[in-house]
Amino acid sequence: MQAAPVRATAIPTFTDALRAVESLLMSSGQRTARRNAWTSVLEDRRRAKDRVEAQRFLDQAADRP
């Protein structure tokens, strides 16, 4: 007697669920604009982090004799 094959189905992540709801509620152009805006936010955060690191480096270099 053989066991029935087991099918593994991926459980959608919370992000996947939000994107599905987003796709139902928003038009394609709005989704694109929203994603572009979020990408800009992430890039601004990265640049801010780089500025802080550069400032620390310069402060440490200035403290050395």
Protein backbone atom coordinates (compact mmCIF):
# COMPACT_ATOMS: atom_id res chain seq x y z
CA MET A 1 0.00 0.00 0.00
CA GLN A 2 1.43 3.36 -1.03
CA ALA A 3 1.02 6.60 0.85
CA ALA A 4 -0.62 9.46 -0.97
CA PRO A 5 1.87 11.99 -2.33
CA VAL A 6 2.36 15.01 -0.13
CA ARG A 7 2.14 18.37 -1.82
CA ALA A 8 4.01 21.21 -0.25
CA THR A 9 2.34 24.54 -0.80
CA ALA A 10 4.12 27.67 0.24
CA ILE A 11 2.32 29.74 2.80
CA PRO A 12 2.20 33.31 1.55
CA THR A 13 4.14 35.81 3.59
CA PHE A 14 2.57 38.90 5.08
CA THR A 15 4.27 40.96 2.38
CA ASP A 16 2.80 38.75 -0.32
CA ALA A 17 -0.66 39.19 1.19
CA LEU A 18 -0.26 42.97 1.32
CA ARG A 19 0.85 43.06 -2.30
CA ALA A 20 -2.16 41.00 -3.31
CA VAL A 21 -4.51 43.40 -1.55
CA GLU A 22 -2.62 46.34 -3.02
CA SER A 23 -3.03 44.94 -6.52
CA LEU A 24 -6.79 44.65 -6.01
CA LEU A 25 -7.21 48.17 -4.64
CA MET A 26 -4.79 50.21 -6.73
CA SER A 27 -4.28 50.72 -10.39
CA SER A 28 -0.98 49.72 -11.96
CA GLY A 29 0.29 53.31 -12.11
CA GLN A 30 -0.41 53.90 -8.44
CA ARG A 31 1.43 50.71 -7.47
CA THR A 32 4.43 51.75 -9.54
CA ALA A 33 4.46 55.23 -8.01
CA ARG A 34 4.20 53.81 -4.50
CA ARG A 35 7.05 51.36 -5.07
CA ASN A 36 9.18 54.09 -6.60
CA ALA A 37 8.52 56.29 -3.58
CA TRP A 38 9.48 53.48 -1.20
CA THR A 39 12.66 52.83 -3.18
CA SER A 40 13.51 56.52 -2.82
CA VAL A 41 12.93 56.36 0.94
CA LEU A 42 15.26 53.37 1.25
CA GLU A 43 17.92 55.10 -0.85
CA ASP A 44 17.65 58.27 1.28
CA ARG A 45 18.12 56.17 4.42
CA ARG A 46 21.18 54.51 2.91
CA ARG A 47 22.71 57.89 2.01
CA ALA A 48 21.99 59.21 5.51
CA LYS A 49 23.73 56.18 7.02
CA ASP A 50 26.71 56.75 4.72
CA ARG A 51 26.88 60.42 5.79
CA VAL A 52 26.88 59.44 9.48
CA GLU A 53 29.66 56.90 8.90
CA ALA A 54 31.72 59.43 6.93
CA GLN A 55 31.27 62.02 9.69
CA ARG A 56 32.42 59.53 12.33
CA PHE A 57 35.47 58.71 10.25
CA LEU A 58 36.34 62.39 9.83
CA ASP A 59 35.84 63.05 13.54
CA GLN A 60 38.12 60.15 14.45
CA ALA A 61 40.76 61.33 11.96
CA ALA A 62 40.63 64.85 13.41
CA ASP A 63 41.12 63.52 16.97
CA ARG A 64 44.35 61.72 16.08
CA PRO A 65 47.58 63.63 16.70
